[in-house]
Amino acid sequence: MLRAGVPSDHLMYPFLFKALSRLFKLKLGLSVPAGTTKTGYDSDRFVANSMVHMYASCKDIVHARMVFDEIHVKYLVSWNSMVDGYAKCGNMGLARKVFDSMPERDVVSWSSLIDGYVKAGGYKEAMVMFEKMPEVT
């Protein structure tokens, strides 16, 4: 797009990050945030959240956390992306720490944490979290 002279916007980057996360193309993904900084879109909440998700999906939890920490107003998507990222990387201690720090939780947050415990072999912890999970009406 850039070579063709098509200007980027805040709507393009989330789609790009989502595609990169599905392809697990971290090496390519590392070059994209420079474009968001240059254009000023790095402070856009949709761009930042999709960046966190991309890094976490590619198991680069260090970059995911750096972007997460720079988000001034964290929405539920931001928190869920970090919980899920830590769980995917097998770091259930930090996944639980982020989960406990969340100002509000929805079903996705609980599911990410429970899924992470099960994948890490923490069946008792998963069951405890499942039993604490609020009912969805």
N, C-alpha and C. Protein backbone atom coordinates (compact mmCIF):
# COMPACT_ATOMS: atom_id res chain seq x y z
N MET A 1 0.82 -1.20 0.00
CA MET A 1 0.00 0.00 0.00
C MET A 1 0.86 1.26 0.00
N LEU A 2 1.86 1.24 0.86
CA LEU A 2 2.72 2.43 0.94
C LEU A 2 3.48 2.66 -0.36
N ARG A 3 3.95 1.57 -0.97
CA ARG A 3 4.67 1.70 -2.25
C ARG A 3 3.75 2.24 -3.33
N ALA A 4 2.47 1.92 -3.25
CA ALA A 4 1.49 2.38 -4.24
C ALA A 4 0.99 3.78 -3.94
N GLY A 5 1.48 4.37 -2.85
CA GLY A 5 1.08 5.73 -2.50
C GLY A 5 -0.23 5.82 -1.75
N VAL A 6 -0.74 4.68 -1.26
CA VAL A 6 -1.98 4.68 -0.48
C VAL A 6 -1.62 5.02 0.96
N PRO A 7 -2.16 6.10 1.49
CA PRO A 7 -1.82 6.48 2.86
C PRO A 7 -2.43 5.52 3.88
N SER A 8 -1.71 5.31 4.96
CA SER A 8 -2.22 4.45 6.03
C SER A 8 -3.16 5.27 6.92
N ASP A 9 -4.01 4.55 7.64
CA ASP A 9 -4.87 5.20 8.61
C ASP A 9 -5.03 4.29 9.83
N HIS A 10 -5.74 4.77 10.82
CA HIS A 10 -5.88 4.01 12.06
C HIS A 10 -6.70 2.73 11.88
N LEU A 11 -7.41 2.60 10.78
CA LEU A 11 -8.20 1.40 10.53
C LEU A 11 -7.39 0.29 9.88
N MET A 12 -6.32 0.64 9.19
CA MET A 12 -5.51 -0.34 8.50
C MET A 12 -4.68 -1.19 9.47
N TYR A 13 -4.10 -0.55 10.47
CA TYR A 13 -3.17 -1.25 11.35
C TYR A 13 -3.78 -2.41 12.13
N PRO A 14 -4.97 -2.28 12.72
CA PRO A 14 -5.53 -3.45 13.42
C PRO A 14 -5.71 -4.66 12.51
N PHE A 15 -6.13 -4.44 11.26
CA PHE A 15 -6.27 -5.56 10.33
C PHE A 15 -4.91 -6.17 10.01
N LEU A 16 -3.92 -5.34 9.86
CA LEU A 16 -2.57 -5.81 9.57
C LEU A 16 -2.03 -6.63 10.74
N PHE A 17 -2.18 -6.12 11.96
CA PHE A 17 -1.71 -6.85 13.14
C PHE A 17 -2.45 -8.17 13.32
N LYS A 18 -3.75 -8.17 13.04
CA LYS A 18 -4.53 -9.41 13.17
C LYS A 18 -4.03 -10.44 12.16
N ALA A 19 -3.78 -10.03 10.94
CA ALA A 19 -3.27 -10.95 9.92
C ALA A 19 -1.91 -11.50 10.33
N LEU A 20 -1.04 -10.65 10.82
CA LEU A 20 0.29 -11.08 11.24
C LEU A 20 0.22 -12.05 12.42
N SER A 21 -0.71 -11.81 13.34
CA SER A 21 -0.84 -12.70 14.49
C SER A 21 -1.36 -14.07 14.06
N ARG A 22 -2.23 -14.10 13.09
CA ARG A 22 -2.74 -15.39 12.60
C ARG A 22 -1.69 -16.15 11.80
N LEU A 23 -0.79 -15.42 11.17
CA LEU A 23 0.28 -16.04 10.40
C LEU A 23 1.51 -16.32 11.26
N PHE A 24 1.51 -15.84 12.51
CA PHE A 24 2.65 -15.94 13.43
C PHE A 24 3.91 -15.37 12.79
N LYS A 25 3.77 -14.20 12.16
CA LYS A 25 4.88 -13.54 11.47
C LYS A 25 5.45 -12.44 12.35
N LEU A 26 6.06 -12.83 13.45
CA LEU A 26 6.59 -11.86 14.40
C LEU A 26 7.69 -11.01 13.78
N LYS A 27 8.57 -11.62 13.01
CA LYS A 27 9.68 -10.87 12.41
C LYS A 27 9.14 -9.70 11.58
N LEU A 28 8.14 -9.96 10.77
CA LEU A 28 7.52 -8.90 9.98
C LEU A 28 6.75 -7.95 10.89
N GLY A 29 6.09 -8.52 11.89
CA GLY A 29 5.30 -7.70 12.82
C GLY A 29 6.14 -6.71 13.60
N LEU A 30 7.40 -7.02 13.84
CA LEU A 30 8.27 -6.11 14.58
C LEU A 30 8.55 -4.83 13.80
N SER A 31 8.45 -4.88 12.49
CA SER A 31 8.73 -3.69 11.69
C SER A 31 7.53 -2.76 11.57
N VAL A 32 6.33 -3.26 11.80
CA VAL A 32 5.12 -2.46 11.61
C VAL A 32 4.93 -1.37 12.66
N PRO A 33 5.19 -1.62 13.95
CA PRO A 33 4.96 -0.56 14.94
C PRO A 33 5.71 0.74 14.66
N ALA A 34 6.83 0.66 13.97
CA ALA A 34 7.55 1.89 13.61
C ALA A 34 6.65 2.79 12.76
N GLY A 35 5.87 2.17 11.90
CA GLY A 35 4.93 2.94 11.07
C GLY A 35 3.83 3.58 11.89
N THR A 36 3.40 2.90 12.93
CA THR A 36 2.35 3.47 13.77
C THR A 36 2.88 4.65 14.57
N THR A 37 4.13 4.57 14.97
CA THR A 37 4.74 5.68 15.71
C THR A 37 4.93 6.88 14.78
N LYS A 38 5.43 6.61 13.58
CA LYS A 38 5.68 7.68 12.62
C LYS A 38 4.39 8.43 12.26
N THR A 39 3.30 7.68 12.16
CA THR A 39 2.02 8.29 11.77
C THR A 39 1.23 8.80 12.97
N GLY A 40 1.67 8.45 14.18
CA GLY A 40 0.96 8.88 15.39
C GLY A 40 -0.19 7.98 15.78
N TYR A 41 -0.36 6.86 15.09
CA TYR A 41 -1.47 5.97 15.39
C TYR A 41 -1.17 5.01 16.54
N ASP A 42 0.06 5.04 17.04
CA ASP A 42 0.40 4.14 18.14
C ASP A 42 -0.39 4.42 19.41
N SER A 43 -0.95 5.63 19.53
CA SER A 43 -1.75 5.96 20.71
C SER A 43 -3.24 5.64 20.52
N ASP A 44 -3.62 5.22 19.31
CA ASP A 44 -5.00 4.81 19.05
C ASP A 44 -5.28 3.50 19.78
N ARG A 45 -6.39 3.43 20.52
CA ARG A 45 -6.65 2.26 21.35
C ARG A 45 -6.82 0.99 20.53
N PHE A 46 -7.41 1.08 19.37
CA PHE A 46 -7.59 -0.11 18.54
C PHE A 46 -6.26 -0.61 18.00
N VAL A 47 -5.42 0.31 17.61
CA VAL A 47 -4.09 -0.04 17.10
C VAL A 47 -3.26 -0.67 18.23
N ALA A 48 -3.25 -0.02 19.39
CA ALA A 48 -2.47 -0.52 20.52
C ALA A 48 -2.96 -1.90 20.97
N ASN A 49 -4.27 -2.08 21.07
CA ASN A 49 -4.81 -3.38 21.50
C ASN A 49 -4.47 -4.47 20.50
N SER A 50 -4.54 -4.16 19.21
CA SER A 50 -4.23 -5.17 18.21
C SER A 50 -2.73 -5.49 18.20
N MET A 51 -1.91 -4.50 18.56
CA MET A 51 -0.47 -4.73 18.67
C MET A 51 -0.17 -5.68 19.84
N VAL A 52 -0.83 -5.44 20.97
CA VAL A 52 -0.66 -6.32 22.14
C VAL A 52 -1.06 -7.74 21.76
N HIS A 53 -2.19 -7.88 21.10
CA HIS A 53 -2.67 -9.20 20.69
C HIS A 53 -1.70 -9.89 19.74
N MET A 54 -1.15 -9.14 18.77
CA MET A 54 -0.22 -9.72 17.82
C MET A 54 1.04 -10.24 18.53
N TYR A 55 1.63 -9.39 19.37
CA TYR A 55 2.84 -9.82 20.08
C TYR A 55 2.56 -11.03 20.95
N ALA A 56 1.44 -11.00 21.68
CA ALA A 56 1.10 -12.11 22.57
C ALA A 56 0.85 -13.39 21.78
N SER A 57 0.16 -13.29 20.65
CA SER A 57 -0.12 -14.46 19.82
C SER A 57 1.16 -15.07 19.26
N CYS A 58 2.14 -14.21 19.00
CA CYS A 58 3.44 -14.68 18.49
C CYS A 58 4.39 -15.03 19.63
N LYS A 59 3.87 -15.04 20.84
CA LYS A 59 4.62 -15.41 22.07
C LYS A 59 5.79 -14.48 22.36
N ASP A 60 5.67 -13.23 21.94
CA ASP A 60 6.65 -12.21 22.31
C ASP A 60 6.00 -11.38 23.42
N ILE A 61 5.96 -11.98 24.59
CA ILE A 61 5.23 -11.38 25.70
C ILE A 61 5.93 -10.13 26.22
N VAL A 62 7.22 -10.02 26.00
CA VAL A 62 7.96 -8.83 26.45
C VAL A 62 7.47 -7.59 25.69
N HIS A 63 7.38 -7.69 24.35
CA HIS A 63 6.89 -6.56 23.57
C HIS A 63 5.40 -6.31 23.84
N ALA A 64 4.65 -7.39 24.01
CA ALA A 64 3.22 -7.23 24.33
C ALA A 64 3.05 -6.43 25.61
N ARG A 65 3.84 -6.75 26.62
CA ARG A 65 3.74 -6.05 27.91
C ARG A 65 4.20 -4.61 27.79
N MET A 66 5.22 -4.36 26.96
CA MET A 66 5.69 -2.99 26.78
C MET A 66 4.59 -2.13 26.18
N VAL A 67 3.93 -2.65 25.15
CA VAL A 67 2.83 -1.89 24.53
C VAL A 67 1.68 -1.73 25.51
N PHE A 68 1.34 -2.81 26.22
CA PHE A 68 0.26 -2.77 27.22
C PHE A 68 0.52 -1.70 28.27
N ASP A 69 1.75 -1.66 28.77
CA ASP A 69 2.11 -0.68 29.81
C ASP A 69 2.02 0.76 29.30
N GLU A 70 2.18 0.97 28.00
CA GLU A 70 2.12 2.32 27.43
C GLU A 70 0.69 2.78 27.13
N ILE A 71 -0.27 1.87 27.22
CA ILE A 71 -1.67 2.25 26.96
C ILE A 71 -2.18 3.02 28.17
N HIS A 72 -2.56 4.28 27.95
CA HIS A 72 -2.98 5.15 29.06
C HIS A 72 -4.32 4.73 29.64
N VAL A 73 -5.31 4.50 28.79
CA VAL A 73 -6.62 4.06 29.25
C VAL A 73 -6.81 2.64 28.74
N LYS A 74 -6.72 1.68 29.65
CA LYS A 74 -6.83 0.28 29.27
C LYS A 74 -8.29 -0.15 29.29
N TYR A 75 -8.74 -0.67 28.15
CA TYR A 75 -10.09 -1.19 28.04
C TYR A 75 -10.05 -2.69 28.28
N LEU A 76 -11.21 -3.29 28.38
CA LEU A 76 -11.30 -4.72 28.65
C LEU A 76 -10.51 -5.55 27.64
N VAL A 77 -10.51 -5.12 26.39
CA VAL A 77 -9.76 -5.83 25.35
C VAL A 77 -8.27 -5.83 25.67
N SER A 78 -7.76 -4.73 26.18
CA SER A 78 -6.34 -4.64 26.53
C SER A 78 -5.99 -5.66 27.61
N TRP A 79 -6.79 -5.68 28.66
CA TRP A 79 -6.57 -6.61 29.77
C TRP A 79 -6.69 -8.06 29.31
N ASN A 80 -7.73 -8.36 28.53
CA ASN A 80 -7.92 -9.72 28.05
C ASN A 80 -6.76 -10.18 27.19
N SER A 81 -6.23 -9.29 26.37
CA SER A 81 -5.09 -9.65 25.51
C SER A 81 -3.87 -10.02 26.34
N MET A 82 -3.64 -9.32 27.42
CA MET A 82 -2.48 -9.63 28.27
C MET A 82 -2.69 -10.92 29.04
N VAL A 83 -3.88 -11.13 29.59
CA VAL A 83 -4.17 -12.38 30.30
C VAL A 83 -3.98 -13.56 29.35
N ASP A 84 -4.57 -13.45 28.18
CA ASP A 84 -4.47 -14.51 27.18
C ASP A 84 -3.02 -14.71 26.72
N GLY A 85 -2.29 -13.62 26.55
CA GLY A 85 -0.89 -13.71 26.13
C GLY A 85 -0.03 -14.44 27.14
N TYR A 86 -0.15 -14.06 28.41
CA TYR A 86 0.61 -14.76 29.45
C TYR A 86 0.22 -16.23 29.52
N ALA A 87 -1.08 -16.50 29.39
CA ALA A 87 -1.55 -17.90 29.43
C ALA A 87 -0.99 -18.68 28.26
N LYS A 88 -0.98 -18.10 27.05
CA LYS A 88 -0.44 -18.78 25.88
C LYS A 88 1.05 -19.07 26.04
N CYS A 89 1.75 -18.20 26.75
CA CYS A 89 3.18 -18.38 26.97
C CYS A 89 3.47 -19.29 28.17
N GLY A 90 2.42 -19.75 28.82
CA GLY A 90 2.58 -20.65 29.95
C GLY A 90 2.96 -19.98 31.26
N ASN A 91 2.87 -18.66 31.31
CA ASN A 91 3.21 -17.94 32.54
C ASN A 91 1.92 -17.62 33.29
N MET A 92 1.41 -18.64 33.99
CA MET A 92 0.13 -18.49 34.67
C MET A 92 0.21 -17.57 35.88
N GLY A 93 1.39 -17.44 36.46
CA GLY A 93 1.55 -16.52 37.59
C GLY A 93 1.27 -15.08 37.16
N LEU A 94 1.86 -14.66 36.04
CA LEU A 94 1.62 -13.31 35.56
C LEU A 94 0.24 -13.16 34.95
N ALA A 95 -0.28 -14.24 34.33
CA ALA A 95 -1.65 -14.19 33.81
C ALA A 95 -2.62 -13.92 34.96
N ARG A 96 -2.43 -14.61 36.06
CA ARG A 96 -3.31 -14.43 37.22
C ARG A 96 -3.13 -13.04 37.84
N LYS A 97 -1.89 -12.56 37.86
CA LYS A 97 -1.62 -11.23 38.41
C LYS A 97 -2.35 -10.15 37.61
N VAL A 98 -2.28 -10.24 36.28
CA VAL A 98 -2.98 -9.27 35.42
C VAL A 98 -4.48 -9.43 35.60
N PHE A 99 -4.96 -10.67 35.64
CA PHE A 99 -6.39 -10.95 35.83
C PHE A 99 -6.88 -10.31 37.13
N ASP A 100 -6.13 -10.50 38.20
CA ASP A 100 -6.52 -9.94 39.50
C ASP A 100 -6.48 -8.42 39.51
N SER A 101 -5.67 -7.83 38.63
CA SER A 101 -5.56 -6.36 38.56
C SER A 101 -6.66 -5.72 37.72
N MET A 102 -7.39 -6.52 36.98
CA MET A 102 -8.40 -5.98 36.08
C MET A 102 -9.50 -5.27 36.87
N PRO A 103 -9.88 -4.07 36.42
CA PRO A 103 -10.95 -3.36 37.11
C PRO A 103 -12.31 -4.01 36.91
N GLU A 104 -12.50 -4.71 35.79
CA GLU A 104 -13.72 -5.47 35.55
C GLU A 104 -13.37 -6.68 34.71
N ARG A 105 -14.19 -7.71 34.81
CA ARG A 105 -13.92 -8.95 34.08
C ARG A 105 -15.19 -9.38 33.36
N ASP A 106 -15.01 -9.95 32.17
CA ASP A 106 -16.13 -10.59 31.47
C ASP A 106 -15.78 -12.05 31.23
N VAL A 107 -16.63 -12.78 30.54
CA VAL A 107 -16.47 -14.21 30.34
C VAL A 107 -15.15 -14.54 29.63
N VAL A 108 -14.73 -13.68 28.70
CA VAL A 108 -13.49 -13.93 27.95
C VAL A 108 -12.29 -13.97 28.90
N SER A 109 -12.25 -13.08 29.85
CA SER A 109 -11.14 -13.04 30.80
C SER A 109 -11.06 -14.34 31.59
N TRP A 110 -12.18 -14.77 32.10
CA TRP A 110 -12.24 -16.01 32.88
C TRP A 110 -11.83 -17.19 32.00
N SER A 111 -12.36 -17.24 30.80
CA SER A 111 -12.07 -18.37 29.90
C SER A 111 -10.59 -18.44 29.54
N SER A 112 -9.98 -17.29 29.30
CA SER A 112 -8.55 -17.26 28.97
C SER A 112 -7.72 -17.81 30.12
N LEU A 113 -8.05 -17.40 31.32
CA LEU A 113 -7.29 -17.84 32.49
C LEU A 113 -7.50 -19.34 32.73
N ILE A 114 -8.73 -19.79 32.67
CA ILE A 114 -9.03 -21.22 32.88
C ILE A 114 -8.35 -22.07 31.81
N ASP A 115 -8.43 -21.63 30.56
CA ASP A 115 -7.79 -22.35 29.46
C ASP A 115 -6.29 -22.44 29.67
N GLY A 116 -5.69 -21.35 30.11
CA GLY A 116 -4.24 -21.36 30.38
C GLY A 116 -3.86 -22.33 31.48
N TYR A 117 -4.64 -22.37 32.56
CA TYR A 117 -4.36 -23.32 33.64
C TYR A 117 -4.45 -24.75 33.14
N VAL A 118 -5.48 -25.07 32.36
CA VAL A 118 -5.64 -26.43 31.86
C VAL A 118 -4.46 -26.81 30.96
N LYS A 119 -4.08 -25.92 30.05
CA LYS A 119 -2.96 -26.22 29.14
C LYS A 119 -1.64 -26.37 29.88
N ALA A 120 -1.52 -25.69 31.03
CA ALA A 120 -0.30 -25.80 31.82
C ALA A 120 -0.35 -26.97 32.81
N GLY A 121 -1.46 -27.72 32.79
CA GLY A 121 -1.59 -28.86 33.70
C GLY A 121 -2.12 -28.49 35.08
N GLY A 122 -2.54 -27.25 35.26
CA GLY A 122 -3.06 -26.80 36.55
C GLY A 122 -4.56 -27.03 36.66
N TYR A 123 -4.96 -28.30 36.69
CA TYR A 123 -6.38 -28.63 36.69
C TYR A 123 -7.10 -28.16 37.94
N LYS A 124 -6.43 -28.26 39.08
CA LYS A 124 -7.05 -27.78 40.33
C LYS A 124 -7.29 -26.28 40.28
N GLU A 125 -6.29 -25.53 39.82
CA GLU A 125 -6.43 -24.09 39.71
C GLU A 125 -7.54 -23.72 38.73
N ALA A 126 -7.61 -24.46 37.62
CA ALA A 126 -8.65 -24.22 36.63
C ALA A 126 -10.03 -24.45 37.23
N MET A 127 -10.16 -25.51 38.01
CA MET A 127 -11.45 -25.82 38.63
C MET A 127 -11.83 -24.76 39.67
N VAL A 128 -10.86 -24.29 40.43
CA VAL A 128 -11.12 -23.24 41.42
C VAL A 128 -11.63 -21.99 40.71
N MET A 129 -10.96 -21.60 39.61
CA MET A 129 -11.39 -20.42 38.86
C MET A 129 -12.77 -20.63 38.24
N PHE A 130 -13.00 -21.83 37.73
CA PHE A 130 -14.31 -22.13 37.13
C PHE A 130 -15.42 -21.98 38.16
N GLU A 131 -15.17 -22.47 39.37
CA GLU A 131 -16.19 -22.38 40.42
C GLU A 131 -16.40 -20.95 40.91
N LYS A 132 -15.36 -20.10 40.80
CA LYS A 132 -15.50 -18.69 41.19
C LYS A 132 -16.15 -17.84 40.11
N MET A 133 -16.15 -18.35 38.88
CA MET A 133 -16.66 -17.59 37.74
C MET A 133 -18.12 -17.20 37.95
N PRO A 134 -18.43 -15.92 37.74
CA PRO A 134 -19.83 -15.50 37.93
C PRO A 134 -20.73 -16.08 36.84
N GLU A 135 -21.99 -16.27 37.20
CA GLU A 135 -22.95 -16.78 36.22
C GLU A 135 -23.24 -15.72 35.17
N VAL A 136 -23.38 -16.18 33.96
CA VAL A 136 -23.73 -15.27 32.86
C VAL A 136 -25.23 -15.44 32.59
N THR A 137 -25.92 -14.32 32.62
CA THR A 137 -27.37 -14.42 32.38
C THR A 137 -27.73 -13.86 31.03
